[in-house]
Amino acid sequence: MHTKWTDEELAIIEAKAELYTPKQIASILKRHGYFRTPIAIATKLWTLGYSTSPFLDNYSSAEIARILCVHSTTVSGWVRRGWLKTSRRSSKRYQVRRWHLKHFFDNPPQHLKKRIASIDKEAINYLLGRRA
């Protein structure tokens, strides 16, 4: 049986998505009176564009695009061209590690240097785990 996600449930999982595993989020939801399985939470996180990995050094292309305020096809293009290295999560999904992002932003392709320079430095620092 499928139960529609409430706004409060969505707010909780979005707030906890980057720090907790789906199993931990299920426990948090249970304390708030909601009952979702870790698989349901992982599926919802995936559809919202979040990584199901609680570690902040792994990002999906959708997460990177959202943080940098660029279109997700832009990030996917960087991956397809080999400018941004990734690890495969599945046949259609991949993870970008923080050190690959660092390498990309420190050594961008020549014709992307101006575009990279125009991206908000705070967003880049957030992705790379640097302090402002």
C-alpha atoms as a PDB file:
ATOM      1  CA  MET A   1       0.000   0.000   0.000  1.00  0.00           C
ATOM      2  CA  HIS A   2       1.284   3.446  -0.921  1.00  0.00           C
ATOM      3  CA  THR A   3       0.800   6.369   1.464  1.00  0.00           C
ATOM      4  CA  LYS A   4       1.348   9.869   0.140  1.00  0.00           C
ATOM      5  CA  TRP A   5       4.287  11.752   1.644  1.00  0.00           C
ATOM      6  CA  THR A   6       3.268  14.668   3.863  1.00  0.00           C
ATOM      7  CA  ASP A   7       4.968  18.056   3.717  1.00  0.00           C
ATOM      8  CA  GLU A   8       6.361  17.507   7.235  1.00  0.00           C
ATOM      9  CA  GLU A   9       7.868  14.138   6.243  1.00  0.00           C
ATOM     10  CA  LEU A  10       9.469  15.692   3.173  1.00  0.00           C
ATOM     11  CA  ALA A  11      10.865  18.558   5.247  1.00  0.00           C
ATOM     12  CA  ILE A  12      12.393  16.097   7.715  1.00  0.00           C
ATOM     13  CA  ILE A  13      14.036  13.885   5.089  1.00  0.00           C
ATOM     14  CA  GLU A  14      15.359  16.881   3.141  1.00  0.00           C
ATOM     15  CA  ALA A  15      16.840  18.351   6.328  1.00  0.00           C
ATOM     16  CA  LYS A  16      18.479  15.039   7.266  1.00  0.00           C
ATOM     17  CA  ALA A  17      19.383  13.758   3.769  1.00  0.00           C
ATOM     18  CA  GLU A  18      23.052  14.723   3.767  1.00  0.00           C
ATOM     19  CA  LEU A  19      23.872  13.681   7.319  1.00  0.00           C
ATOM     20  CA  TYR A  20      21.944  10.487   8.018  1.00  0.00           C
ATOM     21  CA  THR A  21      21.414   7.091   6.413  1.00  0.00           C
ATOM     22  CA  PRO A  22      17.905   6.085   5.286  1.00  0.00           C
ATOM     23  CA  LYS A  23      17.695   3.764   8.310  1.00  0.00           C
ATOM     24  CA  GLN A  24      18.526   6.631  10.680  1.00  0.00           C
ATOM     25  CA  ILE A  25      15.999   8.880   8.933  1.00  0.00           C
ATOM     26  CA  ALA A  26      13.367   6.139   9.367  1.00  0.00           C
ATOM     27  CA  SER A  27      14.026   6.234  13.137  1.00  0.00           C
ATOM     28  CA  ILE A  28      13.753  10.018  13.183  1.00  0.00           C
ATOM     29  CA  LEU A  29      10.457   9.858  11.283  1.00  0.00           C
ATOM     30  CA  LYS A  30       9.187   7.206  13.687  1.00  0.00           C
ATOM     31  CA  ARG A  31       9.853   9.543  16.625  1.00  0.00           C
ATOM     32  CA  HIS A  32       7.687  12.118  14.816  1.00  0.00           C
ATOM     33  CA  GLY A  33       4.887   9.574  14.372  1.00  0.00           C
ATOM     34  CA  TYR A  34       5.565   8.578  10.748  1.00  0.00           C
ATOM     35  CA  PHE A  35       6.296   5.048   9.589  1.00  0.00           C
ATOM     36  CA  ARG A  36       8.444   4.666   6.457  1.00  0.00           C
ATOM     37  CA  THR A  37      10.831   1.874   5.565  1.00  0.00           C
ATOM     38  CA  PRO A  38      14.482   2.652   4.847  1.00  0.00           C
ATOM     39  CA  ILE A  39      13.895   1.487   1.253  1.00  0.00           C
ATOM     40  CA  ALA A  40      10.993   3.923   0.847  1.00  0.00           C
ATOM     41  CA  ILE A  41      13.147   6.723   2.244  1.00  0.00           C
ATOM     42  CA  ALA A  42      16.078   5.842  -0.024  1.00  0.00           C
ATOM     43  CA  THR A  43      13.738   5.813  -3.026  1.00  0.00           C
ATOM     44  CA  LYS A  44      12.281   9.195  -2.087  1.00  0.00           C
ATOM     45  CA  LEU A  45      15.752  10.673  -1.544  1.00  0.00           C
ATOM     46  CA  TRP A  46      16.778   9.396  -4.966  1.00  0.00           C
ATOM     47  CA  THR A  47      13.703  10.944  -6.647  1.00  0.00           C
ATOM     48  CA  LEU A  48      14.434  14.258  -4.907  1.00  0.00           C
ATOM     49  CA  GLY A  49      18.004  14.199  -6.244  1.00  0.00           C
ATOM     50  CA  TYR A  50      19.750  13.483  -2.960  1.00  0.00           C
ATOM     51  CA  SER A  51      22.442  10.926  -2.403  1.00  0.00           C
ATOM     52  CA  THR A  52      21.531   8.028  -0.123  1.00  0.00           C
ATOM     53  CA  SER A  53      25.084   8.135   1.165  1.00  0.00           C
ATOM     54  CA  PRO A  54      25.321  10.159   4.387  1.00  0.00           C
ATOM     55  CA  PHE A  55      28.848  11.303   3.636  1.00  0.00           C
ATOM     56  CA  LEU A  56      29.254  14.857   2.496  1.00  0.00           C
ATOM     57  CA  ASP A  57      32.093  14.038   0.106  1.00  0.00           C
ATOM     58  CA  ASN A  58      29.818  12.265  -2.422  1.00  0.00           C
ATOM     59  CA  TYR A  59      27.476  14.195  -4.685  1.00  0.00           C
ATOM     60  CA  SER A  60      25.107  13.390  -7.515  1.00  0.00           C
ATOM     61  CA  SER A  61      25.106  15.590 -10.605  1.00  0.00           C
ATOM     62  CA  ALA A  62      21.695  16.936  -9.552  1.00  0.00           C
ATOM     63  CA  GLU A  63      23.094  17.976  -6.153  1.00  0.00           C
ATOM     64  CA  ILE A  64      26.081  19.698  -7.753  1.00  0.00           C
ATOM     65  CA  ALA A  65      23.842  21.502 -10.246  1.00  0.00           C
ATOM     66  CA  ARG A  66      21.456  22.627  -7.493  1.00  0.00           C
ATOM     67  CA  ILE A  67      24.271  23.972  -5.319  1.00  0.00           C
ATOM     68  CA  LEU A  68      26.085  25.724  -8.183  1.00  0.00           C
ATOM     69  CA  CYS A  69      22.835  27.066  -9.712  1.00  0.00           C
ATOM     70  CA  VAL A  70      23.544  25.529 -13.110  1.00  0.00           C
ATOM     71  CA  HIS A  71      21.428  23.104 -15.132  1.00  0.00           C
ATOM     72  CA  SER A  72      21.939  19.413 -14.388  1.00  0.00           C
ATOM     73  CA  THR A  73      22.735  18.767 -18.071  1.00  0.00           C
ATOM     74  CA  THR A  74      25.702  21.116 -17.678  1.00  0.00           C
ATOM     75  CA  VAL A  75      27.162  18.935 -14.937  1.00  0.00           C
ATOM     76  CA  SER A  76      26.301  15.772 -16.892  1.00  0.00           C
ATOM     77  CA  GLY A  77      28.127  17.238 -19.883  1.00  0.00           C
ATOM     78  CA  TRP A  78      31.233  17.805 -17.776  1.00  0.00           C
ATOM     79  CA  VAL A  79      31.051  14.151 -16.775  1.00  0.00           C
ATOM     80  CA  ARG A  80      30.470  12.864 -20.331  1.00  0.00           C
ATOM     81  CA  ARG A  81      33.430  14.848 -21.636  1.00  0.00           C
ATOM     82  CA  GLY A  82      35.646  13.404 -18.916  1.00  0.00           C
ATOM     83  CA  TRP A  83      36.345  16.754 -17.275  1.00  0.00           C
ATOM     84  CA  LEU A  84      34.690  15.680 -14.035  1.00  0.00           C
ATOM     85  CA  LYS A  85      35.496  12.166 -12.804  1.00  0.00           C
ATOM     86  CA  THR A  86      32.787   9.996 -11.235  1.00  0.00           C
ATOM     87  CA  SER A  87      32.060   6.627  -9.671  1.00  0.00           C
ATOM     88  CA  ARG A  88      29.076   4.636 -10.946  1.00  0.00           C
ATOM     89  CA  ARG A  89      26.207   4.000  -8.496  1.00  0.00           C
ATOM     90  CA  SER A  90      24.104   2.200 -11.090  1.00  0.00           C
ATOM     91  CA  SER A  91      23.742   2.049 -14.861  1.00  0.00           C
ATOM     92  CA  LYS A  92      22.307   5.579 -15.008  1.00  0.00           C
ATOM     93  CA  ARG A  93      23.492   7.172 -11.761  1.00  0.00           C
ATOM     94  CA  TYR A  94      26.928   8.162 -10.561  1.00  0.00           C
ATOM     95  CA  GLN A  95      28.606   9.852  -7.614  1.00  0.00           C
ATOM     96  CA  VAL A  96      31.162  12.630  -7.772  1.00  0.00           C
ATOM     97  CA  ARG A  97      33.721  12.567  -4.988  1.00  0.00           C
ATOM     98  CA  ARG A  98      34.879  15.762  -3.311  1.00  0.00           C
ATOM     99  CA  TRP A  99      38.500  15.319  -4.439  1.00  0.00           C
ATOM    100  CA  HIS A 100      37.322  15.004  -8.080  1.00  0.00           C
ATOM    101  CA  LEU A 101      35.420  18.265  -7.674  1.00  0.00           C
ATOM    102  CA  LYS A 102      38.511  19.879  -6.150  1.00  0.00           C
ATOM    103  CA  HIS A 103      40.614  18.750  -9.098  1.00  0.00           C
ATOM    104  CA  PHE A 104      37.986  20.012 -11.573  1.00  0.00           C
ATOM    105  CA  PHE A 105      37.664  23.458  -9.955  1.00  0.00           C
ATOM    106  CA  ASP A 106      41.421  23.839  -9.431  1.00  0.00           C
ATOM    107  CA  ASN A 107      42.231  22.769 -13.028  1.00  0.00           C
ATOM    108  CA  PRO A 108      39.207  23.490 -15.242  1.00  0.00           C
ATOM    109  CA  PRO A 109      39.430  23.096 -19.019  1.00  0.00           C
ATOM    110  CA  GLN A 110      40.795  26.268 -20.618  1.00  0.00           C
ATOM    111  CA  HIS A 111      37.538  27.342 -22.254  1.00  0.00           C
ATOM    112  CA  LEU A 112      35.574  26.873 -18.985  1.00  0.00           C
ATOM    113  CA  LYS A 113      37.801  29.014 -16.789  1.00  0.00           C
ATOM    114  CA  LYS A 114      35.673  32.162 -17.168  1.00  0.00           C
ATOM    115  CA  ARG A 115      32.450  30.237 -16.527  1.00  0.00           C
ATOM    116  CA  ILE A 116      33.913  28.539 -13.443  1.00  0.00           C
ATOM    117  CA  ALA A 117      35.190  31.919 -12.222  1.00  0.00           C
ATOM    118  CA  SER A 118      31.650  33.338 -12.484  1.00  0.00           C
ATOM    119  CA  ILE A 119      30.178  30.645 -10.189  1.00  0.00           C
ATOM    120  CA  ASP A 120      29.548  31.699  -6.599  1.00  0.00           C
ATOM    121  CA  LYS A 121      32.710  31.024  -4.573  1.00  0.00           C
ATOM    122  CA  GLU A 122      30.681  30.170  -1.461  1.00  0.00           C
ATOM    123  CA  ALA A 123      28.900  27.382  -3.373  1.00  0.00           C
ATOM    124  CA  ILE A 124      32.212  25.971  -4.575  1.00  0.00           C
ATOM    125  CA  ASN A 125      33.660  26.170  -1.054  1.00  0.00           C
ATOM    126  CA  TYR A 126      30.581  24.380   0.300  1.00  0.00           C
ATOM    127  CA  LEU A 127      31.024  21.531  -2.192  1.00  0.00           C
ATOM    128  CA  LEU A 128      34.721  21.264  -1.404  1.00  0.00           C
ATOM    129  CA  GLY A 129      34.220  21.458   2.355  1.00  0.00           C
ATOM    130  CA  ARG A 130      36.288  24.610   2.668  1.00  0.00           C
ATOM    131  CA  ARG A 131      35.604  27.380   5.117  1.00  0.00           C
ATOM    132  CA  ALA A 132      34.734  30.777   3.651  1.00  0.00           C
END
